[in-house]
Amino acid sequence: MRTLRYVLWALVAVAGLMFGALLVAPKDKPVLVAGEPFGQPFTLVDQNGGPITEAAFRGQPTAVFFGFTHCPEVCPTTLYELNGWMEKLGAEGAALDAYFVTVDPQRDTPELLKDYVTSISSRIVGITGNPEDVDAMIKGFSVFAKKVPLDDGDYTMDHTASIFLLGSDGQFVGTISYGEDPDNALAKLKRLVERNPV
């Protein structure tokens, strides 16, 4: 009888700890829920200076990459590769939209983004906005982004280097990692398009 009492008290204690953990868990981290769009609502600015919201990520398969224009290698390489994969899809991938969201809105104005992105691709659209709104959108996608000071007084950005793949309903489908095998990356984009017809 005493043993049973100890077991019951132990179960009550464990349940209490689990409930407490739920109360203190971060509330701003998105949860992947079946049938729900990924991320959170946002209102930002595209490379042409016009407003853009999460609605841009609905209605067609979408690829989203987070980076910045002062990025020395990862960002231009990723954008160049993404553009190449989209070209290889040809007419089959015509409905695939792609966006480059800056993690450095202090420097990346719409004009700068447009010059940067269009020098690489006519298919990818740059997104920026005021720092607070961009930061909220970044957190909504669980993207890591951190300013890193340099010795000369300038700074760079450390950030998540994966391409996010979204279905036509805005749901998270998967990622393409930086440096991923090109054939695997192309196959992922092909599946994304085939499973999300417009």
Protein backbone atom coordinates (compact mmCIF):
# COMPACT_ATOMS: atom_id res chain seq x y z
CA MET A 1 0.00 0.00 0.00
CA ARG A 2 2.83 2.38 0.91
CA THR A 3 4.58 1.56 -2.37
CA LEU A 4 1.44 2.37 -4.34
CA ARG A 5 1.18 5.70 -2.53
CA TYR A 6 4.78 6.58 -3.47
CA VAL A 7 4.13 5.67 -7.11
CA LEU A 8 1.02 7.87 -7.20
CA TRP A 9 2.88 10.82 -5.66
CA ALA A 10 5.71 10.34 -8.18
CA LEU A 11 3.20 10.43 -11.06
CA VAL A 12 1.62 13.60 -9.67
CA ALA A 13 5.08 15.22 -9.41
CA VAL A 14 5.99 14.29 -13.00
CA ALA A 15 2.66 15.64 -14.28
CA GLY A 16 3.27 18.88 -12.40
CA LEU A 17 6.72 19.28 -13.91
CA MET A 18 5.39 18.67 -17.43
CA PHE A 19 2.60 21.23 -16.93
CA GLY A 20 5.11 23.76 -15.62
CA ALA A 21 7.35 23.21 -18.64
CA LEU A 22 4.42 23.96 -20.94
CA LEU A 23 3.75 27.20 -19.10
CA VAL A 24 7.32 28.48 -19.49
CA ALA A 25 7.90 27.16 -23.04
CA PRO A 26 8.62 29.92 -25.60
CA LYS A 27 5.40 31.14 -27.20
CA ASP A 28 6.95 32.72 -30.32
CA LYS A 29 8.32 29.51 -31.82
CA PRO A 30 6.05 28.20 -34.57
CA VAL A 31 4.55 24.76 -34.30
CA LEU A 32 4.07 22.60 -37.37
CA VAL A 33 0.37 21.74 -37.38
CA ALA A 34 -1.17 19.61 -40.11
CA GLY A 35 -3.30 21.78 -42.37
CA GLU A 36 -1.85 25.04 -41.02
CA PRO A 37 0.41 27.43 -42.99
CA PHE A 38 3.99 27.68 -41.75
CA GLY A 39 5.34 30.81 -40.07
CA GLN A 40 3.14 33.72 -39.08
CA PRO A 41 1.40 36.65 -40.80
CA PHE A 42 3.67 39.49 -41.90
CA THR A 43 3.57 42.76 -43.79
CA LEU A 44 6.90 43.68 -45.38
CA VAL A 45 8.20 45.35 -48.55
CA ASP A 46 9.27 43.71 -51.80
CA GLN A 47 12.23 44.77 -53.91
CA ASN A 48 10.01 47.14 -55.90
CA GLY A 49 8.91 49.00 -52.78
CA GLY A 50 5.42 47.51 -52.71
CA PRO A 51 3.76 45.79 -49.75
CA ILE A 52 4.03 42.02 -49.49
CA THR A 53 2.34 39.68 -47.01
CA GLU A 54 2.20 35.96 -46.26
CA ALA A 55 -0.45 35.76 -49.02
CA ALA A 56 2.46 35.75 -51.50
CA PHE A 57 3.36 32.30 -50.16
CA ARG A 58 -0.08 30.89 -50.97
CA GLY A 59 -1.60 29.57 -54.17
CA GLN A 60 1.57 28.07 -55.65
CA PRO A 61 4.64 26.12 -54.51
CA THR A 62 7.21 28.46 -53.02
CA ALA A 63 10.91 28.46 -52.13
CA VAL A 64 12.07 30.93 -49.45
CA PHE A 65 15.70 31.71 -48.60
CA PHE A 66 16.93 34.03 -45.84
CA GLY A 67 20.19 35.91 -46.33
CA PHE A 68 21.70 39.36 -46.93
CA THR A 69 23.33 41.32 -49.73
CA HIS A 70 26.71 41.72 -48.00
CA CYS A 71 27.00 37.93 -47.69
CA PRO A 72 30.35 36.90 -49.21
CA GLU A 73 29.61 33.36 -50.38
CA VAL A 74 26.60 31.41 -49.06
CA CYS A 75 23.86 33.78 -50.27
CA PRO A 76 25.03 34.45 -53.83
CA THR A 77 25.88 30.77 -54.27
CA THR A 78 22.48 29.65 -53.01
CA LEU A 79 20.57 32.16 -55.13
CA TYR A 80 22.60 31.22 -58.21
CA GLU A 81 21.95 27.50 -57.61
CA LEU A 82 18.24 28.03 -56.91
CA ASN A 83 17.88 30.00 -60.14
CA GLY A 84 19.67 27.24 -62.05
CA TRP A 85 17.40 24.54 -60.63
CA MET A 86 14.33 26.57 -61.50
CA GLU A 87 15.59 26.95 -65.06
CA LYS A 88 16.19 23.19 -65.30
CA LEU A 89 12.56 22.56 -64.32
CA GLY A 90 11.57 24.51 -67.42
CA ALA A 91 7.86 24.87 -68.14
CA GLU A 92 7.13 22.32 -65.41
CA GLY A 93 8.46 24.72 -62.79
CA ALA A 94 6.89 27.89 -64.19
CA ALA A 95 4.47 28.11 -61.24
CA LEU A 96 7.24 27.88 -58.63
CA ASP A 97 7.78 31.19 -56.84
CA ALA A 98 11.00 32.06 -55.00
CA TYR A 99 11.83 34.76 -52.44
CA PHE A 100 14.99 36.09 -50.83
CA VAL A 101 14.22 37.54 -47.38
CA THR A 102 16.93 39.74 -45.91
CA VAL A 103 18.17 39.14 -42.37
CA ASP A 104 19.89 42.55 -42.53
CA PRO A 105 17.10 45.09 -43.12
CA GLN A 106 19.22 47.94 -41.71
CA ARG A 107 21.37 47.85 -44.84
CA ASP A 108 19.21 46.01 -47.35
CA THR A 109 16.87 48.62 -48.81
CA PRO A 110 14.42 47.62 -51.56
CA GLU A 111 16.68 49.30 -54.14
CA LEU A 112 19.78 47.45 -52.98
CA LEU A 113 17.92 44.15 -52.83
CA LYS A 114 16.57 44.63 -56.34
CA ASP A 115 20.02 45.35 -57.79
CA TYR A 116 21.46 42.36 -55.94
CA VAL A 117 18.75 39.80 -56.71
CA THR A 118 18.11 40.77 -60.33
CA SER A 119 21.82 40.50 -61.08
CA ILE A 120 21.40 36.79 -60.34
CA SER A 121 17.82 35.93 -61.24
CA SER A 122 14.66 37.34 -62.76
CA ARG A 123 12.60 34.67 -60.97
CA ILE A 124 13.54 35.45 -57.36
CA VAL A 125 12.00 38.40 -55.48
CA GLY A 126 13.73 40.22 -52.61
CA ILE A 127 11.88 41.05 -49.38
CA THR A 128 12.82 43.57 -46.69
CA GLY A 129 11.03 45.93 -44.30
CA ASN A 130 11.51 47.66 -41.01
CA PRO A 131 13.82 45.70 -38.67
CA GLU A 132 11.16 44.85 -36.09
CA ASP A 133 8.79 43.42 -38.71
CA VAL A 134 11.56 41.49 -40.46
CA ASP A 135 12.73 40.09 -37.13
CA ALA A 136 9.22 38.89 -36.32
CA MET A 137 8.94 37.17 -39.70
CA ILE A 138 12.37 35.54 -39.22
CA LYS A 139 11.34 34.20 -35.82
CA GLY A 140 8.07 32.99 -37.30
CA PHE A 141 10.08 30.74 -39.61
CA SER A 142 12.40 29.61 -36.79
CA VAL A 143 15.32 31.06 -38.73
CA PHE A 144 18.55 31.81 -36.87
CA ALA A 145 20.02 35.25 -37.61
CA LYS A 146 22.64 37.09 -35.57
CA LYS A 147 24.77 40.19 -36.15
CA VAL A 148 28.50 39.42 -35.84
CA PRO A 149 30.87 42.39 -35.31
CA LEU A 150 34.02 42.55 -37.45
CA ASP A 151 37.44 43.91 -36.45
CA ASP A 152 37.09 46.91 -38.77
CA GLY A 153 33.95 48.12 -37.01
CA ASP A 154 31.61 46.73 -39.65
CA TYR A 155 29.50 43.60 -39.17
CA THR A 156 28.34 40.48 -40.94
CA MET A 157 25.38 38.18 -40.33
CA ASP A 158 25.34 34.58 -39.23
CA HIS A 159 22.13 32.91 -40.39
CA THR A 160 20.29 29.75 -41.35
CA ALA A 161 21.43 28.74 -44.82
CA SER A 162 18.63 26.40 -45.90
CA ILE A 163 15.98 27.02 -48.52
CA PHE A 164 12.48 26.51 -47.11
CA LEU A 165 9.99 24.72 -49.35
CA LEU A 166 6.29 25.52 -48.96
CA GLY A 167 3.27 23.90 -50.56
CA SER A 168 0.59 25.92 -52.32
CA ASP A 169 -1.34 26.09 -49.04
CA GLY A 170 1.65 27.62 -47.26
CA GLN A 171 2.48 24.43 -45.39
CA PHE A 172 6.09 23.49 -44.68
CA VAL A 173 7.20 20.71 -47.03
CA GLY A 174 10.94 20.50 -46.43
CA THR A 175 14.29 22.22 -46.95
CA ILE A 176 17.25 22.22 -49.28
CA SER A 177 20.43 22.47 -47.26
CA TYR A 178 23.40 24.60 -48.26
CA GLY A 179 25.78 22.42 -50.25
CA GLU A 180 23.16 19.72 -50.84
CA ASP A 181 23.70 17.42 -53.79
CA PRO A 182 22.31 19.29 -56.84
CA ASP A 183 20.41 16.25 -58.09
CA ASN A 184 18.69 15.85 -54.70
CA ALA A 185 17.84 19.55 -54.62
CA LEU A 186 16.36 19.44 -58.12
CA ALA A 187 14.37 16.32 -57.22
CA LYS A 188 12.93 18.08 -54.15
CA LEU A 189 11.81 21.06 -56.23
CA LYS A 190 10.34 18.74 -58.86
CA ARG A 191 8.33 16.88 -56.20
CA LEU A 192 7.22 20.19 -54.68
CA VAL A 193 5.84 21.33 -58.04
CA GLU A 194 4.24 17.97 -58.91
CA ARG A 195 2.47 17.67 -55.56
CA ASN A 196 1.26 21.27 -55.57
CA PRO A 197 -0.29 21.89 -58.98
CA VAL A 198 -1.66 25.37 -59.55
